[in-house]
N, C-alpha and C. Protein backbone atom coordinates (compact mmCIF):
# COMPACT_ATOMS: atom_id res chain seq x y z
N MET A 1 48.07 -72.21 -173.16
CA MET A 1 48.72 -72.03 -171.89
C MET A 1 48.14 -72.95 -170.84
N LYS A 2 46.81 -73.13 -170.91
CA LYS A 2 46.14 -74.02 -169.97
C LYS A 2 46.66 -75.46 -170.13
N ASN A 3 46.85 -75.89 -171.39
CA ASN A 3 47.39 -77.23 -171.68
C ASN A 3 48.80 -77.39 -171.13
N PHE A 4 49.60 -76.33 -171.24
CA PHE A 4 50.97 -76.38 -170.74
C PHE A 4 50.98 -76.61 -169.23
N HIS A 5 50.15 -75.88 -168.50
CA HIS A 5 50.07 -76.04 -167.05
C HIS A 5 49.59 -77.44 -166.67
N ARG A 6 48.62 -77.93 -167.43
CA ARG A 6 48.10 -79.28 -167.16
C ARG A 6 49.20 -80.32 -167.35
N ARG A 7 50.01 -80.17 -168.44
CA ARG A 7 51.09 -81.11 -168.70
C ARG A 7 52.15 -81.05 -167.59
N VAL A 8 52.45 -79.86 -167.12
CA VAL A 8 53.44 -79.71 -166.05
C VAL A 8 52.93 -80.39 -164.79
N ILE A 9 51.67 -80.20 -164.45
CA ILE A 9 51.09 -80.81 -163.25
C ILE A 9 51.05 -82.33 -163.41
N VAL A 10 50.62 -82.82 -164.54
CA VAL A 10 50.59 -84.26 -164.78
C VAL A 10 52.00 -84.84 -164.73
N GLY A 11 52.96 -84.15 -165.33
CA GLY A 11 54.35 -84.60 -165.29
C GLY A 11 54.89 -84.64 -163.87
N PHE A 12 54.55 -83.63 -163.08
CA PHE A 12 54.99 -83.57 -161.69
C PHE A 12 54.40 -84.73 -160.89
N VAL A 13 53.09 -84.95 -161.04
CA VAL A 13 52.43 -86.04 -160.33
C VAL A 13 53.00 -87.39 -160.76
N LEU A 14 53.21 -87.57 -162.05
CA LEU A 14 53.78 -88.81 -162.55
C LEU A 14 55.18 -89.04 -161.98
N ALA A 15 56.00 -87.99 -161.96
CA ALA A 15 57.34 -88.10 -161.39
C ALA A 15 57.28 -88.45 -159.90
N LEU A 16 56.35 -87.84 -159.20
CA LEU A 16 56.18 -88.11 -157.78
C LEU A 16 55.78 -89.57 -157.54
N VAL A 17 54.84 -90.05 -158.32
CA VAL A 17 54.39 -91.44 -158.19
C VAL A 17 55.52 -92.41 -158.51
N LEU A 18 56.26 -92.15 -159.57
CA LEU A 18 57.36 -93.05 -159.95
C LEU A 18 58.47 -93.08 -158.91
N THR A 19 58.75 -91.95 -158.27
CA THR A 19 59.81 -91.96 -157.25
C THR A 19 59.37 -92.65 -155.98
N GLN A 20 58.08 -92.79 -155.76
CA GLN A 20 57.58 -93.45 -154.56
C GLN A 20 57.28 -94.92 -154.77
N THR A 21 57.38 -95.41 -156.00
CA THR A 21 57.09 -96.80 -156.31
C THR A 21 58.37 -97.62 -156.23
N PRO A 22 58.38 -98.73 -155.46
CA PRO A 22 59.59 -99.55 -155.40
C PRO A 22 59.93 -100.12 -156.76
N PHE A 23 61.23 -100.18 -157.05
CA PHE A 23 61.70 -100.73 -158.31
C PHE A 23 61.39 -102.22 -158.36
N VAL A 24 60.77 -102.63 -159.43
CA VAL A 24 60.47 -104.05 -159.61
C VAL A 24 61.11 -104.50 -160.90
N ASP A 25 61.86 -105.54 -160.82
CA ASP A 25 62.45 -106.15 -162.00
C ASP A 25 61.35 -106.99 -162.63
N PHE A 26 61.00 -106.66 -163.85
CA PHE A 26 59.85 -107.31 -164.46
C PHE A 26 60.09 -108.76 -164.86
N ARG A 27 61.25 -109.30 -164.51
CA ARG A 27 61.48 -110.73 -164.70
C ARG A 27 60.98 -111.49 -163.48
N GLY A 28 60.34 -110.78 -162.56
CA GLY A 28 59.72 -111.46 -161.44
C GLY A 28 60.43 -111.28 -160.11
N ARG A 29 61.55 -110.56 -160.10
CA ARG A 29 62.27 -110.37 -158.84
C ARG A 29 62.33 -108.89 -158.54
N GLY A 30 61.91 -108.53 -157.36
CA GLY A 30 62.03 -107.14 -156.93
C GLY A 30 63.36 -106.96 -156.23
N ARG A 31 64.34 -106.39 -156.95
CA ARG A 31 65.69 -106.30 -156.39
C ARG A 31 65.71 -105.48 -155.10
N ILE A 32 65.07 -104.35 -155.11
CA ILE A 32 65.07 -103.53 -153.90
C ILE A 32 64.27 -104.21 -152.81
N ASP A 33 63.11 -104.77 -153.17
CA ASP A 33 62.32 -105.48 -152.17
C ASP A 33 63.11 -106.63 -151.55
N GLN A 34 63.86 -107.34 -152.37
CA GLN A 34 64.67 -108.46 -151.88
C GLN A 34 65.76 -107.94 -150.93
N ALA A 35 66.42 -106.85 -151.30
CA ALA A 35 67.46 -106.28 -150.44
C ALA A 35 66.86 -105.80 -149.12
N LEU A 36 65.68 -105.18 -149.19
CA LEU A 36 65.03 -104.71 -147.97
C LEU A 36 64.65 -105.88 -147.08
N ALA A 37 64.20 -106.98 -147.66
CA ALA A 37 63.85 -108.16 -146.87
C ALA A 37 65.09 -108.72 -146.18
N GLN A 38 66.22 -108.78 -146.90
CA GLN A 38 67.46 -109.27 -146.30
C GLN A 38 67.90 -108.35 -145.17
N ASP A 39 67.80 -107.03 -145.39
CA ASP A 39 68.17 -106.08 -144.34
C ASP A 39 67.30 -106.25 -143.11
N SER A 40 65.99 -106.48 -143.30
CA SER A 40 65.11 -106.62 -142.13
C SER A 40 65.40 -107.92 -141.38
N ILE A 41 65.78 -108.98 -142.08
CA ILE A 41 66.17 -110.23 -141.42
C ILE A 41 67.44 -109.98 -140.61
N TYR A 42 68.42 -109.29 -141.22
CA TYR A 42 69.66 -108.97 -140.52
C TYR A 42 69.36 -108.10 -139.31
N GLU A 43 68.54 -107.05 -139.48
CA GLU A 43 68.22 -106.15 -138.37
C GLU A 43 67.51 -106.87 -137.23
N SER A 44 66.66 -107.85 -137.56
CA SER A 44 65.95 -108.57 -136.50
C SER A 44 66.90 -109.44 -135.69
N LYS A 45 68.03 -109.85 -136.28
CA LYS A 45 69.01 -110.66 -135.56
C LYS A 45 70.04 -109.79 -134.84
N LYS A 46 70.15 -108.54 -135.25
CA LYS A 46 71.11 -107.63 -134.62
C LYS A 46 70.50 -107.17 -133.31
N ILE A 47 70.99 -107.72 -132.20
CA ILE A 47 70.36 -107.48 -130.91
C ILE A 47 71.14 -106.50 -130.05
N VAL A 48 72.32 -106.09 -130.52
CA VAL A 48 73.14 -105.15 -129.76
C VAL A 48 73.78 -104.16 -130.73
N PRO A 49 73.70 -102.87 -130.44
CA PRO A 49 74.39 -101.91 -131.31
C PRO A 49 75.90 -101.99 -131.09
N PHE A 50 76.68 -101.63 -132.10
CA PHE A 50 78.13 -101.65 -131.95
C PHE A 50 78.60 -100.40 -131.23
N VAL A 51 79.16 -100.62 -130.05
CA VAL A 51 79.82 -99.57 -129.27
C VAL A 51 81.14 -100.18 -128.83
N PRO A 52 82.26 -99.71 -129.38
CA PRO A 52 83.54 -100.34 -129.06
C PRO A 52 83.98 -100.12 -127.62
N SER A 53 84.57 -101.14 -127.04
CA SER A 53 85.20 -101.01 -125.72
C SER A 53 86.49 -100.23 -125.89
N PRO A 54 86.75 -99.27 -125.00
CA PRO A 54 88.04 -98.57 -125.07
C PRO A 54 89.19 -99.58 -124.90
N GLN A 55 90.33 -99.30 -125.51
CA GLN A 55 91.45 -100.25 -125.48
C GLN A 55 91.89 -100.57 -124.06
N VAL A 56 91.85 -99.60 -123.16
CA VAL A 56 92.25 -99.86 -121.77
C VAL A 56 91.31 -100.88 -121.12
N VAL A 57 90.03 -100.86 -121.48
CA VAL A 57 89.06 -101.83 -120.98
C VAL A 57 89.32 -103.20 -121.60
N VAL A 58 89.60 -103.22 -122.89
CA VAL A 58 89.93 -104.48 -123.58
C VAL A 58 91.11 -105.16 -122.89
N GLU A 59 92.16 -104.40 -122.64
CA GLU A 59 93.36 -104.96 -122.00
C GLU A 59 93.04 -105.50 -120.61
N LYS A 60 92.21 -104.79 -119.86
CA LYS A 60 91.84 -105.24 -118.52
C LYS A 60 90.98 -106.50 -118.58
N MET A 61 90.09 -106.59 -119.56
CA MET A 61 89.26 -107.80 -119.72
C MET A 61 90.15 -109.01 -119.97
N ILE A 62 91.13 -108.86 -120.85
CA ILE A 62 92.05 -109.94 -121.19
C ILE A 62 92.88 -110.33 -119.96
N GLU A 63 93.34 -109.32 -119.23
CA GLU A 63 94.12 -109.57 -118.01
C GLU A 63 93.28 -110.27 -116.94
N LEU A 64 92.07 -109.77 -116.71
CA LEU A 64 91.19 -110.34 -115.69
C LEU A 64 90.86 -111.80 -115.98
N ALA A 65 90.68 -112.12 -117.26
CA ALA A 65 90.39 -113.51 -117.66
C ALA A 65 91.63 -114.39 -117.63
N GLY A 66 92.81 -113.78 -117.46
CA GLY A 66 94.05 -114.56 -117.45
C GLY A 66 94.32 -115.24 -118.77
N VAL A 67 94.01 -114.57 -119.88
CA VAL A 67 94.19 -115.17 -121.21
C VAL A 67 95.67 -115.45 -121.44
N LYS A 68 95.92 -116.70 -121.92
CA LYS A 68 97.29 -117.13 -122.15
C LYS A 68 97.34 -118.10 -123.33
N LYS A 69 98.55 -118.46 -123.70
CA LYS A 69 98.75 -119.44 -124.77
C LYS A 69 98.01 -120.73 -124.40
N GLY A 70 97.31 -121.29 -125.36
CA GLY A 70 96.53 -122.51 -125.13
C GLY A 70 95.06 -122.24 -124.89
N ASP A 71 94.71 -121.01 -124.53
CA ASP A 71 93.29 -120.68 -124.36
C ASP A 71 92.60 -120.56 -125.71
N VAL A 72 91.30 -120.81 -125.69
CA VAL A 72 90.44 -120.53 -126.83
C VAL A 72 89.46 -119.47 -126.36
N VAL A 73 89.58 -118.28 -126.94
CA VAL A 73 88.77 -117.14 -126.53
C VAL A 73 87.68 -116.91 -127.57
N TYR A 74 86.43 -116.87 -127.10
CA TYR A 74 85.30 -116.50 -127.95
C TYR A 74 84.83 -115.12 -127.53
N ASP A 75 84.78 -114.20 -128.49
CA ASP A 75 84.26 -112.86 -128.22
C ASP A 75 82.90 -112.75 -128.90
N LEU A 76 81.87 -112.61 -128.09
CA LEU A 76 80.49 -112.57 -128.61
C LEU A 76 80.10 -111.13 -128.91
N GLY A 77 79.76 -110.89 -130.17
CA GLY A 77 79.50 -109.53 -130.62
C GLY A 77 80.82 -108.80 -130.77
N SER A 78 81.69 -109.33 -131.64
CA SER A 78 83.09 -108.93 -131.68
C SER A 78 83.38 -107.60 -132.35
N GLY A 79 82.37 -106.97 -132.94
CA GLY A 79 82.55 -105.63 -133.49
C GLY A 79 83.71 -105.51 -134.44
N ASP A 80 84.66 -104.62 -134.12
CA ASP A 80 85.80 -104.38 -135.01
C ASP A 80 86.98 -105.31 -134.76
N GLY A 81 86.83 -106.29 -133.85
CA GLY A 81 87.84 -107.32 -133.64
C GLY A 81 88.91 -106.98 -132.62
N ARG A 82 88.75 -105.89 -131.88
CA ARG A 82 89.83 -105.47 -130.97
C ARG A 82 90.09 -106.46 -129.83
N ILE A 83 89.05 -107.09 -129.30
CA ILE A 83 89.26 -108.08 -128.22
C ILE A 83 89.90 -109.34 -128.79
N VAL A 84 89.46 -109.75 -129.96
CA VAL A 84 90.03 -110.92 -130.63
C VAL A 84 91.53 -110.72 -130.87
N ILE A 85 91.91 -109.55 -131.33
CA ILE A 85 93.32 -109.25 -131.59
C ILE A 85 94.10 -109.23 -130.28
N ALA A 86 93.54 -108.62 -129.24
CA ALA A 86 94.23 -108.57 -127.94
C ALA A 86 94.45 -109.97 -127.38
N ALA A 87 93.48 -110.87 -127.54
CA ALA A 87 93.62 -112.24 -127.07
C ALA A 87 94.68 -112.99 -127.88
N ALA A 88 94.69 -112.78 -129.18
CA ALA A 88 95.68 -113.43 -130.04
C ALA A 88 97.10 -112.96 -129.68
N LYS A 89 97.24 -111.70 -129.29
CA LYS A 89 98.55 -111.18 -128.87
C LYS A 89 99.08 -111.92 -127.64
N LYS A 90 98.17 -112.49 -126.84
CA LYS A 90 98.58 -113.26 -125.65
C LYS A 90 98.86 -114.72 -125.98
N GLY A 91 98.71 -115.10 -127.26
CA GLY A 91 98.99 -116.47 -127.67
C GLY A 91 97.77 -117.37 -127.73
N ALA A 92 96.60 -116.83 -127.46
CA ALA A 92 95.36 -117.62 -127.50
C ALA A 92 94.86 -117.76 -128.93
N LYS A 93 94.09 -118.80 -129.16
CA LYS A 93 93.31 -118.93 -130.40
C LYS A 93 92.05 -118.12 -130.14
N ALA A 94 91.81 -117.09 -130.93
CA ALA A 94 90.70 -116.17 -130.67
C ALA A 94 89.70 -116.19 -131.82
N VAL A 95 88.43 -116.30 -131.46
CA VAL A 95 87.35 -116.34 -132.45
C VAL A 95 86.29 -115.31 -132.06
N GLY A 96 86.00 -114.42 -132.99
CA GLY A 96 84.95 -113.44 -132.78
C GLY A 96 83.70 -113.85 -133.52
N PHE A 97 82.56 -113.55 -132.94
CA PHE A 97 81.27 -113.83 -133.58
C PHE A 97 80.53 -112.51 -133.74
N GLU A 98 80.18 -112.19 -134.98
CA GLU A 98 79.57 -110.91 -135.30
C GLU A 98 78.52 -111.10 -136.38
N ILE A 99 77.35 -110.48 -136.20
CA ILE A 99 76.24 -110.61 -137.17
C ILE A 99 76.29 -109.56 -138.27
N ASP A 100 76.90 -108.41 -137.99
CA ASP A 100 76.93 -107.30 -138.95
C ASP A 100 78.00 -107.56 -140.01
N PRO A 101 77.60 -107.77 -141.28
CA PRO A 101 78.58 -108.10 -142.32
C PRO A 101 79.64 -107.01 -142.53
N ASP A 102 79.27 -105.75 -142.33
CA ASP A 102 80.26 -104.67 -142.48
C ASP A 102 81.33 -104.77 -141.40
N LEU A 103 80.90 -105.05 -140.17
CA LEU A 103 81.87 -105.20 -139.07
C LEU A 103 82.70 -106.47 -139.23
N VAL A 104 82.11 -107.52 -139.79
CA VAL A 104 82.88 -108.74 -140.07
C VAL A 104 84.03 -108.41 -141.02
N GLY A 105 83.72 -107.68 -142.08
CA GLY A 105 84.77 -107.29 -143.04
C GLY A 105 85.82 -106.40 -142.40
N GLU A 106 85.37 -105.42 -141.61
CA GLU A 106 86.30 -104.50 -140.95
C GLU A 106 87.20 -105.25 -139.97
N SER A 107 86.62 -106.14 -139.18
CA SER A 107 87.42 -106.86 -138.19
C SER A 107 88.40 -107.83 -138.85
N ARG A 108 87.98 -108.47 -139.92
CA ARG A 108 88.91 -109.36 -140.64
C ARG A 108 90.09 -108.55 -141.20
N ALA A 109 89.80 -107.37 -141.71
CA ALA A 109 90.88 -106.49 -142.20
C ALA A 109 91.79 -106.06 -141.06
N ASN A 110 91.23 -105.77 -139.90
CA ASN A 110 92.03 -105.39 -138.74
C ASN A 110 92.94 -106.53 -138.27
N ILE A 111 92.42 -107.75 -138.31
CA ILE A 111 93.22 -108.93 -137.95
C ILE A 111 94.38 -109.09 -138.93
N GLN A 112 94.08 -108.95 -140.20
CA GLN A 112 95.10 -109.06 -141.26
C GLN A 112 96.17 -107.98 -141.05
N LYS A 113 95.72 -106.76 -140.82
CA LYS A 113 96.64 -105.63 -140.63
C LYS A 113 97.54 -105.85 -139.41
N ALA A 114 96.99 -106.44 -138.35
CA ALA A 114 97.75 -106.70 -137.14
C ALA A 114 98.65 -107.93 -137.28
N GLY A 115 98.43 -108.74 -138.32
CA GLY A 115 99.26 -109.91 -138.56
C GLY A 115 98.91 -111.13 -137.73
N PHE A 116 97.64 -111.24 -137.32
CA PHE A 116 97.23 -112.36 -136.46
C PHE A 116 96.26 -113.33 -137.15
N GLN A 117 96.27 -113.39 -138.46
CA GLN A 117 95.32 -114.25 -139.16
C GLN A 117 95.49 -115.73 -138.86
N GLU A 118 96.66 -116.14 -138.34
CA GLU A 118 96.86 -117.54 -137.96
C GLU A 118 96.23 -117.86 -136.60
N MET A 119 96.08 -116.83 -135.76
CA MET A 119 95.59 -117.03 -134.39
C MET A 119 94.17 -116.50 -134.16
N ALA A 120 93.67 -115.73 -135.11
CA ALA A 120 92.38 -115.07 -134.89
C ALA A 120 91.50 -115.18 -136.12
N GLU A 121 90.20 -115.28 -135.87
CA GLU A 121 89.23 -115.32 -136.96
C GLU A 121 87.91 -114.70 -136.51
N ILE A 122 87.13 -114.29 -137.49
CA ILE A 122 85.81 -113.74 -137.22
C ILE A 122 84.80 -114.57 -138.00
N ARG A 123 83.75 -114.99 -137.30
CA ARG A 123 82.68 -115.74 -137.94
C ARG A 123 81.42 -114.88 -137.99
N ASN A 124 80.79 -114.87 -139.14
CA ASN A 124 79.54 -114.12 -139.32
C ASN A 124 78.40 -115.01 -138.81
N GLN A 125 78.05 -114.83 -137.53
CA GLN A 125 77.07 -115.71 -136.90
C GLN A 125 76.33 -114.99 -135.80
N ASP A 126 75.07 -115.33 -135.64
CA ASP A 126 74.23 -114.84 -134.55
C ASP A 126 74.77 -115.40 -133.24
N ILE A 127 75.09 -114.53 -132.28
CA ILE A 127 75.71 -114.99 -131.03
C ILE A 127 74.82 -115.93 -130.23
N LEU A 128 73.52 -115.89 -130.44
CA LEU A 128 72.63 -116.78 -129.70
C LEU A 128 72.66 -118.21 -130.22
N THR A 129 73.34 -118.43 -131.36
CA THR A 129 73.42 -119.78 -131.95
C THR A 129 74.80 -120.41 -131.81
N VAL A 130 75.72 -119.73 -131.16
CA VAL A 130 77.11 -120.22 -131.06
C VAL A 130 77.19 -121.38 -130.06
N ASP A 131 77.87 -122.45 -130.48
CA ASP A 131 78.20 -123.54 -129.56
C ASP A 131 79.46 -123.10 -128.81
N LEU A 132 79.33 -122.88 -127.53
CA LEU A 132 80.42 -122.31 -126.72
C LEU A 132 81.38 -123.36 -126.16
N SER A 133 81.11 -124.63 -126.39
CA SER A 133 81.83 -125.70 -125.68
C SER A 133 83.34 -125.73 -125.92
N ALA A 134 83.83 -125.19 -127.02
CA ALA A 134 85.28 -125.22 -127.29
C ALA A 134 86.03 -124.09 -126.59
N ALA A 135 85.32 -123.10 -126.07
CA ALA A 135 85.96 -121.92 -125.47
C ALA A 135 86.43 -122.20 -124.04
N SER A 136 87.57 -121.62 -123.70
CA SER A 136 88.01 -121.61 -122.30
C SER A 136 87.78 -120.22 -121.70
N VAL A 137 87.59 -119.22 -122.57
CA VAL A 137 87.28 -117.85 -122.15
C VAL A 137 86.22 -117.29 -123.09
N VAL A 138 85.22 -116.62 -122.51
CA VAL A 138 84.21 -115.91 -123.31
C VAL A 138 84.21 -114.46 -122.87
N THR A 139 84.31 -113.56 -123.84
CA THR A 139 84.25 -112.13 -123.56
C THR A 139 83.03 -111.55 -124.24
N MET A 140 82.49 -110.47 -123.64
CA MET A 140 81.32 -109.84 -124.25
C MET A 140 81.10 -108.43 -123.73
N TYR A 141 80.54 -107.63 -124.60
CA TYR A 141 80.06 -106.28 -124.25
C TYR A 141 78.73 -106.17 -124.95
N LEU A 142 77.70 -106.66 -124.28
CA LEU A 142 76.38 -106.77 -124.88
C LEU A 142 75.40 -105.88 -124.14
N LEU A 143 74.22 -106.37 -123.85
CA LEU A 143 73.21 -105.65 -123.07
C LEU A 143 72.71 -106.58 -121.97
N PRO A 144 72.13 -106.06 -120.90
CA PRO A 144 71.70 -106.92 -119.78
C PRO A 144 70.78 -108.06 -120.20
N ASP A 145 69.78 -107.78 -121.06
CA ASP A 145 68.86 -108.84 -121.45
C ASP A 145 69.53 -109.89 -122.32
N VAL A 146 70.52 -109.48 -123.11
CA VAL A 146 71.25 -110.45 -123.95
C VAL A 146 72.16 -111.31 -123.07
N ASN A 147 72.82 -110.70 -122.09
CA ASN A 147 73.62 -111.49 -121.14
C ASN A 147 72.75 -112.57 -120.49
N LEU A 148 71.55 -112.18 -120.09
CA LEU A 148 70.65 -113.15 -119.43
C LEU A 148 70.21 -114.26 -120.38
N LYS A 149 70.03 -113.92 -121.66
CA LYS A 149 69.68 -114.95 -122.66
C LYS A 149 70.84 -115.93 -122.85
N LEU A 150 72.06 -115.42 -122.76
CA LEU A 150 73.25 -116.26 -122.97
C LEU A 150 73.64 -117.07 -121.74
N ARG A 151 73.25 -116.62 -120.58
CA ARG A 151 73.68 -117.25 -119.33
C ARG A 151 73.43 -118.77 -119.29
N PRO A 152 72.25 -119.27 -119.65
CA PRO A 152 72.06 -120.73 -119.63
C PRO A 152 73.05 -121.47 -120.53
N ASN A 153 73.36 -120.90 -121.70
CA ASN A 153 74.33 -121.53 -122.61
C ASN A 153 75.73 -121.51 -122.01
N LEU A 154 76.09 -120.39 -121.40
CA LEU A 154 77.42 -120.30 -120.77
C LEU A 154 77.56 -121.38 -119.70
N LEU A 155 76.56 -121.50 -118.84
CA LEU A 155 76.62 -122.46 -117.73
C LEU A 155 76.54 -123.91 -118.18
N SER A 156 75.79 -124.17 -119.25
CA SER A 156 75.62 -125.57 -119.67
C SER A 156 76.67 -126.03 -120.68
N GLN A 157 77.23 -125.11 -121.48
CA GLN A 157 78.14 -125.52 -122.54
C GLN A 157 79.62 -125.39 -122.19
N LEU A 158 79.96 -124.41 -121.36
CA LEU A 158 81.37 -124.23 -121.01
C LEU A 158 81.81 -125.24 -119.97
N LYS A 159 83.07 -125.63 -120.05
CA LYS A 159 83.63 -126.57 -119.07
C LYS A 159 83.87 -125.87 -117.73
N PRO A 160 83.78 -126.60 -116.63
CA PRO A 160 84.13 -126.01 -115.33
C PRO A 160 85.53 -125.40 -115.38
N GLY A 161 85.67 -124.23 -114.80
CA GLY A 161 86.95 -123.53 -114.82
C GLY A 161 87.08 -122.53 -115.95
N SER A 162 86.20 -122.61 -116.95
CA SER A 162 86.21 -121.63 -118.03
C SER A 162 85.87 -120.26 -117.45
N ARG A 163 86.38 -119.22 -118.10
CA ARG A 163 86.20 -117.87 -117.60
C ARG A 163 85.31 -117.05 -118.51
N VAL A 164 84.51 -116.17 -117.90
CA VAL A 164 83.60 -115.29 -118.63
C VAL A 164 83.85 -113.87 -118.15
N VAL A 165 84.00 -112.94 -119.09
CA VAL A 165 84.22 -111.54 -118.76
C VAL A 165 83.22 -110.69 -119.54
N SER A 166 82.56 -109.78 -118.82
CA SER A 166 81.58 -108.89 -119.45
C SER A 166 81.90 -107.44 -119.11
N HIS A 167 81.92 -106.63 -120.14
CA HIS A 167 82.11 -105.19 -119.97
C HIS A 167 80.74 -104.57 -119.71
N SER A 168 80.62 -103.88 -118.60
CA SER A 168 79.47 -103.04 -118.20
C SER A 168 78.27 -103.77 -117.61
N PHE A 169 77.99 -105.00 -118.01
CA PHE A 169 76.73 -105.61 -117.58
C PHE A 169 76.95 -106.95 -116.90
N ASP A 170 76.19 -107.16 -115.81
CA ASP A 170 76.29 -108.41 -115.05
C ASP A 170 75.34 -109.46 -115.63
N MET A 171 75.07 -110.49 -114.84
CA MET A 171 74.18 -111.57 -115.29
C MET A 171 73.13 -111.86 -114.24
N GLY A 172 72.48 -110.80 -113.78
CA GLY A 172 71.39 -110.97 -112.82
C GLY A 172 71.89 -111.52 -111.50
N ASP A 173 71.26 -112.61 -111.05
CA ASP A 173 71.60 -113.16 -109.73
C ASP A 173 72.83 -114.09 -109.74
N TRP A 174 73.48 -114.27 -110.90
CA TRP A 174 74.74 -115.01 -110.95
C TRP A 174 75.84 -114.04 -110.52
N LYS A 175 76.26 -114.19 -109.29
CA LYS A 175 77.22 -113.26 -108.70
C LYS A 175 78.60 -113.44 -109.33
N PRO A 176 79.24 -112.35 -109.74
CA PRO A 176 80.59 -112.46 -110.31
C PRO A 176 81.62 -112.80 -109.25
N ASP A 177 82.72 -113.43 -109.69
CA ASP A 177 83.84 -113.71 -108.79
C ASP A 177 84.63 -112.44 -108.50
N LYS A 178 84.68 -111.55 -109.49
CA LYS A 178 85.39 -110.28 -109.34
C LYS A 178 84.64 -109.20 -110.11
N VAL A 179 84.75 -107.99 -109.61
CA VAL A 179 84.24 -106.80 -110.30
C VAL A 179 85.35 -105.77 -110.23
N GLU A 180 85.75 -105.25 -111.38
CA GLU A 180 86.80 -104.24 -111.42
C GLU A 180 86.30 -103.02 -112.19
N ARG A 181 86.84 -101.87 -111.82
CA ARG A 181 86.51 -100.63 -112.52
C ARG A 181 87.77 -100.11 -113.20
N VAL A 182 87.60 -99.74 -114.46
CA VAL A 182 88.70 -99.19 -115.24
C VAL A 182 88.18 -97.99 -116.02
N ASP A 183 88.81 -96.88 -115.84
CA ASP A 183 88.46 -95.70 -116.61
C ASP A 183 86.96 -95.38 -116.50
N GLY A 184 86.41 -95.58 -115.30
CA GLY A 184 84.99 -95.30 -115.07
C GLY A 184 84.04 -96.37 -115.58
N ARG A 185 84.56 -97.49 -116.03
CA ARG A 185 83.73 -98.58 -116.56
C ARG A 185 83.88 -99.82 -115.69
N THR A 186 82.82 -100.63 -115.67
CA THR A 186 82.80 -101.82 -114.83
C THR A 186 83.04 -103.07 -115.68
N ILE A 187 83.86 -103.96 -115.14
CA ILE A 187 84.13 -105.25 -115.80
C ILE A 187 83.80 -106.35 -114.80
N TYR A 188 83.00 -107.33 -115.26
CA TYR A 188 82.57 -108.45 -114.42
C TYR A 188 83.30 -109.71 -114.86
N PHE A 189 83.68 -110.54 -113.88
CA PHE A 189 84.40 -111.78 -114.16
C PHE A 189 83.75 -112.94 -113.41
N TRP A 190 83.51 -114.04 -114.12
CA TRP A 190 82.97 -115.26 -113.53
C TRP A 190 83.85 -116.44 -113.93
N THR A 191 83.87 -117.46 -113.08
CA THR A 191 84.47 -118.75 -113.41
C THR A 191 83.32 -119.76 -113.43
N ILE A 192 83.28 -120.57 -114.47
CA ILE A 192 82.22 -121.58 -114.58
C ILE A 192 82.43 -122.60 -113.45
N PRO A 193 81.41 -122.81 -112.63
CA PRO A 193 81.56 -123.74 -111.49
C PRO A 193 81.52 -125.19 -111.96
N ALA A 194 81.95 -126.08 -111.06
CA ALA A 194 81.85 -127.51 -111.33
C ALA A 194 80.37 -127.85 -111.52
N LYS A 195 80.11 -128.80 -112.36
CA LYS A 195 78.70 -129.21 -112.60
C LYS A 195 78.07 -129.68 -111.32
N GLY A 196 76.82 -129.30 -111.12
CA GLY A 196 76.10 -129.71 -109.92
C GLY A 196 76.16 -128.69 -108.80
N ARG A 197 76.95 -127.62 -108.99
CA ARG A 197 77.04 -126.58 -107.97
C ARG A 197 76.00 -125.52 -108.17
């Protein structure tokens, strides 16, 4: 009986140790370790959580920016693609930038479902690395510190007259041209000034 109890305890401890040990592929690659490393790289680049803008706010952002046919709209942190789709509905070429691969897939499916795959696309890219120079409109719903990180790029890369719209957060001492409230939410609008101003 004593041996039986000892075997049960040893078996329990062994099972406990094995469940706490990361799986290692003995060919030299730790599959779980590799996946965890990729996740931590992705998480370190994910600087804003996904919180969708209500559709009424999306529509107001598009209206405030005066999005029209011929515009190129960049949505930074495009989430599920709702702003990109709204811009494409106005005839603009719309490009969303999103770091989360699950949201990239979801937004691409939403674009396909809406029938705007010719006018809209989603790129899996860190928003801090985007070359903004092709955009005539930039939309975003980020965080105050991220807006401030992007501000130098917006001012240096966008052409004078380009429009910037931000849901909820301003850009520090860069005063907006307009501030509107919709459904209890604030939307900020700026026009890129002529160089040298």
